Amino acid sequence: MAAVERHAAIPKPLSLFASRLSHHRSGDEELRVLEAALSVGADVPALLATRSAARRLLRARAAEALVAAGPVEDDGRRIAIANFFARAFALVGDVEVSTAPVPRSADS
């Protein structure tokens, strides 16, 4: 999927978070950016749209980030990334994904 396509449907409040994800940043600061983005909205429908877009963004980027983390030998990095995405999914209220098993890469 091209970068332009990924960013086309991202609401403005999520653009900084999406940019950080595209640069493979996954730490507490990024979670604070996500939390701030989820609280910005003129009304309830805007807040719900941002939350829904955040879920789609996280779903699209989670497996991608784990594969990019490298081979299984670097489990510490993979665990840190899985932890980040579990926390991010919990912030957006996606309990189904935040409790799902972590997908294994083809190298596993």
N, C-alpha and C. Protein backbone atom coordinates (compact mmCIF):
# COMPACT_ATOMS: atom_id res chain seq x y z
N MET A 1 0.85 -1.17 0.00
CA MET A 1 0.00 0.00 0.00
C MET A 1 0.90 1.23 0.00
N ALA A 2 0.66 2.16 -0.86
CA ALA A 2 1.48 3.36 -0.98
C ALA A 2 1.26 4.29 0.20
N ALA A 3 2.30 5.06 0.53
CA ALA A 3 2.21 5.98 1.67
C ALA A 3 1.09 6.98 1.49
N VAL A 4 0.87 7.45 0.27
CA VAL A 4 -0.20 8.42 0.02
C VAL A 4 -1.55 7.81 0.36
N GLU A 5 -1.77 6.55 -0.02
CA GLU A 5 -3.03 5.89 0.27
C GLU A 5 -3.25 5.76 1.76
N ARG A 6 -2.18 5.43 2.51
CA ARG A 6 -2.31 5.25 3.95
C ARG A 6 -2.71 6.55 4.64
N HIS A 7 -2.17 7.67 4.18
CA HIS A 7 -2.42 8.94 4.85
C HIS A 7 -3.68 9.63 4.36
N ALA A 8 -4.29 9.16 3.28
CA ALA A 8 -5.44 9.83 2.69
C ALA A 8 -6.63 9.88 3.65
N ALA A 9 -6.87 8.83 4.40
CA ALA A 9 -8.05 8.77 5.26
C ALA A 9 -7.74 9.11 6.72
N ILE A 10 -6.57 9.63 7.00
CA ILE A 10 -6.17 9.93 8.38
C ILE A 10 -6.65 11.33 8.76
N PRO A 11 -7.51 11.41 9.79
CA PRO A 11 -7.96 12.74 10.24
C PRO A 11 -6.78 13.57 10.75
N LYS A 12 -6.89 14.85 10.63
CA LYS A 12 -5.81 15.76 11.01
C LYS A 12 -5.29 15.52 12.43
N PRO A 13 -6.17 15.27 13.44
CA PRO A 13 -5.64 15.04 14.79
C PRO A 13 -4.69 13.83 14.87
N LEU A 14 -4.82 12.87 13.96
CA LEU A 14 -3.97 11.68 13.99
C LEU A 14 -2.72 11.79 13.13
N SER A 15 -2.56 12.87 12.40
CA SER A 15 -1.46 12.96 11.43
C SER A 15 -0.08 12.88 12.09
N LEU A 16 0.12 13.51 13.24
CA LEU A 16 1.41 13.44 13.92
C LEU A 16 1.68 12.01 14.39
N PHE A 17 0.67 11.37 14.97
CA PHE A 17 0.83 9.99 15.42
C PHE A 17 1.15 9.07 14.24
N ALA A 18 0.44 9.24 13.13
CA ALA A 18 0.69 8.42 11.93
C ALA A 18 2.10 8.64 11.41
N SER A 19 2.56 9.86 11.44
CA SER A 19 3.92 10.17 11.00
C SER A 19 4.95 9.46 11.87
N ARG A 20 4.73 9.49 13.17
CA ARG A 20 5.67 8.82 14.09
C ARG A 20 5.68 7.31 13.86
N LEU A 21 4.50 6.74 13.61
CA LEU A 21 4.45 5.31 13.31
C LEU A 21 5.20 4.99 12.02
N SER A 22 5.05 5.85 11.03
CA SER A 22 5.72 5.59 9.75
C SER A 22 7.24 5.66 9.88
N HIS A 23 7.72 6.31 10.93
CA HIS A 23 9.16 6.37 11.20
C HIS A 23 9.57 5.34 12.25
N HIS A 24 8.69 4.36 12.47
CA HIS A 24 8.94 3.23 13.38
C HIS A 24 9.24 3.68 14.81
N ARG A 25 8.55 4.72 15.24
CA ARG A 25 8.69 5.17 16.63
C ARG A 25 7.54 4.58 17.43
N SER A 26 7.87 3.96 18.55
CA SER A 26 6.84 3.30 19.36
C SER A 26 7.22 3.35 20.83
N GLY A 27 6.95 4.48 21.44
CA GLY A 27 7.28 4.65 22.85
C GLY A 27 6.19 5.39 23.59
N ASP A 28 6.49 5.74 24.81
CA ASP A 28 5.52 6.44 25.66
C ASP A 28 5.12 7.79 25.07
N GLU A 29 6.06 8.47 24.44
CA GLU A 29 5.75 9.77 23.85
C GLU A 29 4.70 9.62 22.74
N GLU A 30 4.84 8.57 21.94
CA GLU A 30 3.88 8.33 20.87
C GLU A 30 2.50 8.00 21.44
N LEU A 31 2.47 7.29 22.56
CA LEU A 31 1.18 6.99 23.21
C LEU A 31 0.53 8.27 23.72
N ARG A 32 1.33 9.21 24.22
CA ARG A 32 0.78 10.50 24.67
C ARG A 32 0.23 11.29 23.48
N VAL A 33 0.92 11.22 22.34
CA VAL A 33 0.44 11.89 21.13
C VAL A 33 -0.89 11.28 20.71
N LEU A 34 -0.99 9.96 20.74
CA LEU A 34 -2.24 9.27 20.39
C LEU A 34 -3.35 9.68 21.35
N GLU A 35 -3.06 9.69 22.63
CA GLU A 35 -4.07 10.06 23.62
C GLU A 35 -4.57 11.49 23.39
N ALA A 36 -3.66 12.40 23.08
CA ALA A 36 -4.06 13.79 22.81
C ALA A 36 -4.92 13.85 21.55
N ALA A 37 -4.55 13.10 20.52
CA ALA A 37 -5.32 13.10 19.27
C ALA A 37 -6.72 12.58 19.49
N LEU A 38 -6.86 11.60 20.38
CA LEU A 38 -8.17 11.02 20.64
C LEU A 38 -9.09 11.96 21.42
N SER A 39 -8.53 12.99 22.02
CA SER A 39 -9.35 13.91 22.81
C SER A 39 -9.67 15.20 22.06
N VAL A 40 -9.21 15.31 20.81
CA VAL A 40 -9.44 16.51 20.01
C VAL A 40 -10.62 16.26 19.08
N GLY A 41 -11.61 17.11 19.19
CA GLY A 41 -12.76 16.98 18.30
C GLY A 41 -13.80 18.03 18.64
N ALA A 42 -14.45 18.52 17.61
CA ALA A 42 -15.46 19.55 17.81
C ALA A 42 -16.75 19.00 18.41
N ASP A 43 -16.98 17.71 18.18
CA ASP A 43 -18.22 17.11 18.67
C ASP A 43 -18.03 15.59 18.78
N VAL A 44 -19.03 14.92 19.28
CA VAL A 44 -18.95 13.47 19.48
C VAL A 44 -18.72 12.72 18.17
N PRO A 45 -19.43 13.05 17.08
CA PRO A 45 -19.15 12.33 15.83
C PRO A 45 -17.68 12.47 15.37
N ALA A 46 -17.10 13.65 15.57
CA ALA A 46 -15.69 13.85 15.18
C ALA A 46 -14.77 13.00 16.05
N LEU A 47 -15.06 12.94 17.34
CA LEU A 47 -14.27 12.10 18.25
C LEU A 47 -14.37 10.63 17.86
N LEU A 48 -15.57 10.18 17.54
CA LEU A 48 -15.78 8.79 17.15
C LEU A 48 -15.07 8.48 15.83
N ALA A 49 -15.09 9.41 14.90
CA ALA A 49 -14.42 9.22 13.62
C ALA A 49 -12.90 9.12 13.81
N THR A 50 -12.36 9.95 14.70
CA THR A 50 -10.93 9.90 14.99
C THR A 50 -10.56 8.57 15.62
N ARG A 51 -11.35 8.12 16.57
CA ARG A 51 -11.10 6.84 17.25
C ARG A 51 -11.16 5.68 16.25
N SER A 52 -12.13 5.70 15.36
CA SER A 52 -12.27 4.67 14.34
C SER A 52 -11.07 4.68 13.39
N ALA A 53 -10.64 5.85 12.98
CA ALA A 53 -9.48 5.96 12.10
C ALA A 53 -8.22 5.48 12.81
N ALA A 54 -8.12 5.76 14.11
CA ALA A 54 -6.97 5.29 14.88
C ALA A 54 -6.94 3.77 14.92
N ARG A 55 -8.09 3.14 15.09
CA ARG A 55 -8.15 1.67 15.08
C ARG A 55 -7.65 1.12 13.75
N ARG A 56 -8.14 1.70 12.65
CA ARG A 56 -7.73 1.23 11.32
C ARG A 56 -6.22 1.42 11.13
N LEU A 57 -5.72 2.57 11.54
CA LEU A 57 -4.29 2.85 11.41
C LEU A 57 -3.46 1.85 12.21
N LEU A 58 -3.85 1.60 13.45
CA LEU A 58 -3.11 0.67 14.29
C LEU A 58 -3.16 -0.75 13.73
N ARG A 59 -4.31 -1.17 13.26
CA ARG A 59 -4.42 -2.51 12.68
C ARG A 59 -3.51 -2.65 11.46
N ALA A 60 -3.45 -1.62 10.65
CA ALA A 60 -2.62 -1.66 9.45
C ALA A 60 -1.14 -1.68 9.78
N ARG A 61 -0.76 -0.98 10.83
CA ARG A 61 0.66 -0.81 11.13
C ARG A 61 1.23 -1.84 12.10
N ALA A 62 0.41 -2.52 12.89
CA ALA A 62 0.92 -3.44 13.92
C ALA A 62 1.73 -4.59 13.32
N ALA A 63 1.14 -5.34 12.42
CA ALA A 63 1.87 -6.48 11.83
C ALA A 63 3.08 -5.98 11.05
N GLU A 64 2.90 -4.88 10.34
CA GLU A 64 3.99 -4.28 9.58
C GLU A 64 5.18 -3.95 10.49
N ALA A 65 4.90 -3.39 11.65
CA ALA A 65 5.96 -3.01 12.59
C ALA A 65 6.66 -4.24 13.17
N LEU A 66 5.91 -5.29 13.45
CA LEU A 66 6.51 -6.50 13.99
C LEU A 66 7.41 -7.18 12.97
N VAL A 67 7.00 -7.19 11.74
CA VAL A 67 7.83 -7.78 10.69
C VAL A 67 9.09 -6.94 10.50
N ALA A 68 8.95 -5.63 10.52
CA ALA A 68 10.10 -4.74 10.35
C ALA A 68 11.06 -4.80 11.54
N ALA A 69 10.60 -5.31 12.68
CA ALA A 69 11.44 -5.38 13.88
C ALA A 69 12.61 -6.34 13.71
N GLY A 70 12.51 -7.22 12.75
CA GLY A 70 13.63 -8.12 12.51
C GLY A 70 13.32 -9.54 12.92
N PRO A 71 14.35 -10.37 12.85
CA PRO A 71 14.17 -11.80 13.13
C PRO A 71 13.84 -12.06 14.59
N VAL A 72 13.42 -13.27 14.84
CA VAL A 72 13.00 -13.68 16.18
C VAL A 72 14.13 -13.55 17.19
N GLU A 73 15.38 -13.59 16.75
CA GLU A 73 16.50 -13.48 17.69
C GLU A 73 16.44 -12.18 18.48
N ASP A 74 15.79 -11.17 17.92
CA ASP A 74 15.67 -9.88 18.59
C ASP A 74 14.30 -9.79 19.26
N ASP A 75 13.98 -10.81 20.06
CA ASP A 75 12.68 -10.86 20.72
C ASP A 75 12.42 -9.67 21.62
N GLY A 76 13.44 -9.09 22.22
CA GLY A 76 13.24 -7.93 23.09
C GLY A 76 12.60 -6.78 22.35
N ARG A 77 13.07 -6.53 21.15
CA ARG A 77 12.50 -5.44 20.34
C ARG A 77 11.07 -5.78 19.93
N ARG A 78 10.85 -7.03 19.52
CA ARG A 78 9.51 -7.45 19.11
C ARG A 78 8.53 -7.36 20.28
N ILE A 79 8.98 -7.73 21.47
CA ILE A 79 8.12 -7.66 22.65
C ILE A 79 7.79 -6.20 22.97
N ALA A 80 8.77 -5.32 22.86
CA ALA A 80 8.53 -3.89 23.11
C ALA A 80 7.51 -3.33 22.12
N ILE A 81 7.62 -3.74 20.86
CA ILE A 81 6.67 -3.27 19.84
C ILE A 81 5.28 -3.84 20.11
N ALA A 82 5.22 -5.12 20.44
CA ALA A 82 3.91 -5.74 20.76
C ALA A 82 3.28 -5.04 21.96
N ASN A 83 4.09 -4.72 22.96
CA ASN A 83 3.58 -4.02 24.14
C ASN A 83 3.05 -2.64 23.76
N PHE A 84 3.79 -1.92 22.92
CA PHE A 84 3.34 -0.60 22.47
C PHE A 84 1.98 -0.69 21.79
N PHE A 85 1.84 -1.63 20.85
CA PHE A 85 0.58 -1.74 20.12
C PHE A 85 -0.55 -2.22 21.02
N ALA A 86 -0.27 -3.09 21.98
CA ALA A 86 -1.32 -3.51 22.92
C ALA A 86 -1.82 -2.30 23.71
N ARG A 87 -0.90 -1.45 24.16
CA ARG A 87 -1.29 -0.25 24.90
C ARG A 87 -2.04 0.73 24.01
N ALA A 88 -1.59 0.87 22.75
CA ALA A 88 -2.26 1.79 21.82
C ALA A 88 -3.67 1.30 21.50
N PHE A 89 -3.83 -0.01 21.26
CA PHE A 89 -5.16 -0.55 21.00
C PHE A 89 -6.07 -0.36 22.21
N ALA A 90 -5.52 -0.50 23.40
CA ALA A 90 -6.32 -0.28 24.61
C ALA A 90 -6.77 1.18 24.70
N LEU A 91 -5.89 2.12 24.32
CA LEU A 91 -6.26 3.54 24.34
C LEU A 91 -7.42 3.84 23.40
N VAL A 92 -7.44 3.20 22.24
CA VAL A 92 -8.51 3.47 21.29
C VAL A 92 -9.73 2.60 21.55
N GLY A 93 -9.65 1.77 22.58
CA GLY A 93 -10.80 0.96 22.95
C GLY A 93 -10.99 -0.28 22.11
N ASP A 94 -9.95 -0.74 21.46
CA ASP A 94 -10.04 -1.94 20.63
C ASP A 94 -9.58 -3.14 21.45
N VAL A 95 -10.44 -3.58 22.36
CA VAL A 95 -10.11 -4.66 23.28
C VAL A 95 -9.89 -5.97 22.53
N GLU A 96 -10.64 -6.19 21.47
CA GLU A 96 -10.52 -7.44 20.70
C GLU A 96 -9.10 -7.61 20.17
N VAL A 97 -8.53 -6.56 19.59
CA VAL A 97 -7.19 -6.65 19.03
C VAL A 97 -6.14 -6.59 20.12
N SER A 98 -6.34 -5.80 21.16
CA SER A 98 -5.31 -5.65 22.19
C SER A 98 -5.12 -6.93 22.99
N THR A 99 -6.07 -7.86 22.93
CA THR A 99 -5.92 -9.13 23.65
C THR A 99 -5.67 -10.31 22.72
N ALA A 100 -5.57 -10.05 21.41
CA ALA A 100 -5.34 -11.12 20.44
C ALA A 100 -3.88 -11.56 20.47
N PRO A 101 -3.61 -12.79 20.08
CA PRO A 101 -2.21 -13.24 20.03
C PRO A 101 -1.43 -12.44 19.00
N VAL A 102 -0.16 -12.26 19.27
CA VAL A 102 0.72 -11.51 18.38
C VAL A 102 1.05 -12.39 17.18
N PRO A 103 0.87 -11.86 15.96
CA PRO A 103 1.19 -12.65 14.77
C PRO A 103 2.69 -12.91 14.67
N ARG A 104 3.07 -14.07 14.21
CA ARG A 104 4.48 -14.43 14.03
C ARG A 104 4.88 -14.13 12.59
N SER A 105 6.10 -13.74 12.40
CA SER A 105 6.56 -13.47 11.04
C SER A 105 6.89 -14.77 10.34
N ALA A 106 7.12 -14.70 9.05
CA ALA A 106 7.44 -15.88 8.26
C ALA A 106 8.77 -16.49 8.69
N ASP A 107 9.65 -15.68 9.34
CA ASP A 107 10.96 -16.17 9.80
C ASP A 107 10.84 -17.05 11.02
N SER A 108 9.69 -17.02 11.70
CA SER A 108 9.53 -17.73 12.98
C SER A 108 9.44 -19.23 12.77
